[in-house]
Amino acid sequence: MNAIRIVGIVLIVGGLVGFFTGGFNFTKESTAAKIGPLELTVKEKQSVNIPQWLSIGAAVAGALMLVAGTRKS
């Protein structure tokens, strides 16, 4: 299996996952203040939305790469 086919499969899977989940959430922890031995930390929930056009584009590009990798073999 050559590299083009592997990248194509990864793009297809990533595009489908992005399309069906729509994004992901994570918690970011940062130091708000540090006074001597005391430290105040803040946890912020952040979300990243993945546009549907980007997910579909990645899946289509992966399919094209998969077909191109098959034709060269």
Protein backbone atom coordinates (compact mmCIF):
# COMPACT_ATOMS: atom_id res chain seq x y z
CA MET A 1 0.00 0.00 0.00
CA ASN A 2 1.61 3.24 -1.10
CA ALA A 3 1.56 6.59 0.70
CA ILE A 4 -1.09 8.20 -1.53
CA ARG A 5 -3.61 5.47 -0.72
CA ILE A 6 -2.88 5.72 3.02
CA VAL A 7 -3.34 9.51 3.01
CA GLY A 8 -6.56 9.03 1.01
CA ILE A 9 -7.95 6.60 3.58
CA VAL A 10 -7.00 8.93 6.45
CA LEU A 11 -8.72 11.86 4.72
CA ILE A 12 -11.89 9.84 4.11
CA VAL A 13 -12.07 8.69 7.72
CA GLY A 14 -11.25 12.16 9.07
CA GLY A 15 -13.83 13.77 6.80
CA LEU A 16 -16.55 11.37 7.87
CA VAL A 17 -15.72 11.77 11.56
CA GLY A 18 -15.74 15.55 11.22
CA PHE A 19 -19.04 15.46 9.35
CA PHE A 20 -20.85 13.29 11.89
CA THR A 21 -19.43 14.83 15.07
CA GLY A 22 -19.42 18.47 13.95
CA GLY A 23 -16.50 19.41 16.19
CA PHE A 24 -14.90 18.71 19.53
CA ASN A 25 -14.63 20.24 23.01
CA PHE A 26 -11.64 20.59 25.30
CA THR A 27 -10.78 22.20 28.63
CA LYS A 28 -7.94 24.71 28.79
CA GLU A 29 -6.33 25.38 32.15
CA SER A 30 -4.44 28.64 32.62
CA THR A 31 -2.87 30.49 35.52
CA ALA A 32 -4.82 33.67 36.28
CA ALA A 33 -2.74 34.96 39.19
CA LYS A 34 0.26 33.90 41.22
CA ILE A 35 0.83 35.61 44.55
CA GLY A 36 3.71 34.08 46.45
CA PRO A 37 2.97 30.40 47.10
CA LEU A 38 -0.70 30.81 46.11
CA GLU A 39 -1.72 30.17 42.55
CA LEU A 40 -5.13 30.83 41.01
CA THR A 41 -5.96 28.64 38.02
CA VAL A 42 -8.91 28.98 35.67
CA LYS A 43 -10.42 26.18 33.61
CA GLU A 44 -12.12 27.27 30.41
CA LYS A 45 -14.23 25.00 28.23
CA GLN A 46 -13.60 25.69 24.57
CA SER A 47 -15.17 24.16 21.50
CA VAL A 48 -13.93 23.85 17.93
CA ASN A 49 -16.54 23.53 15.21
CA ILE A 50 -15.61 21.75 11.99
CA PRO A 51 -17.50 23.16 8.98
CA GLN A 52 -19.47 20.61 6.97
CA TRP A 53 -17.98 21.83 3.68
CA LEU A 54 -14.49 21.11 5.03
CA SER A 55 -15.47 17.59 6.11
CA ILE A 56 -17.08 16.79 2.77
CA GLY A 57 -14.10 18.28 0.92
CA ALA A 58 -11.68 16.13 2.89
CA ALA A 59 -13.70 12.98 2.18
CA VAL A 60 -13.89 13.80 -1.56
CA ALA A 61 -10.17 14.60 -1.71
CA GLY A 62 -9.44 11.32 0.05
CA ALA A 63 -11.58 9.41 -2.43
CA LEU A 64 -9.77 11.06 -5.33
CA MET A 65 -6.39 10.20 -3.81
CA LEU A 66 -7.51 6.62 -3.26
CA VAL A 67 -8.57 6.31 -6.91
CA ALA A 68 -5.34 7.97 -8.11
CA GLY A 69 -3.27 5.60 -5.95
CA THR A 70 -5.09 2.59 -7.35
CA ARG A 71 -4.59 3.62 -10.99
CA LYS A 72 -0.81 4.05 -10.63
CA SER A 73 -0.36 0.58 -9.12
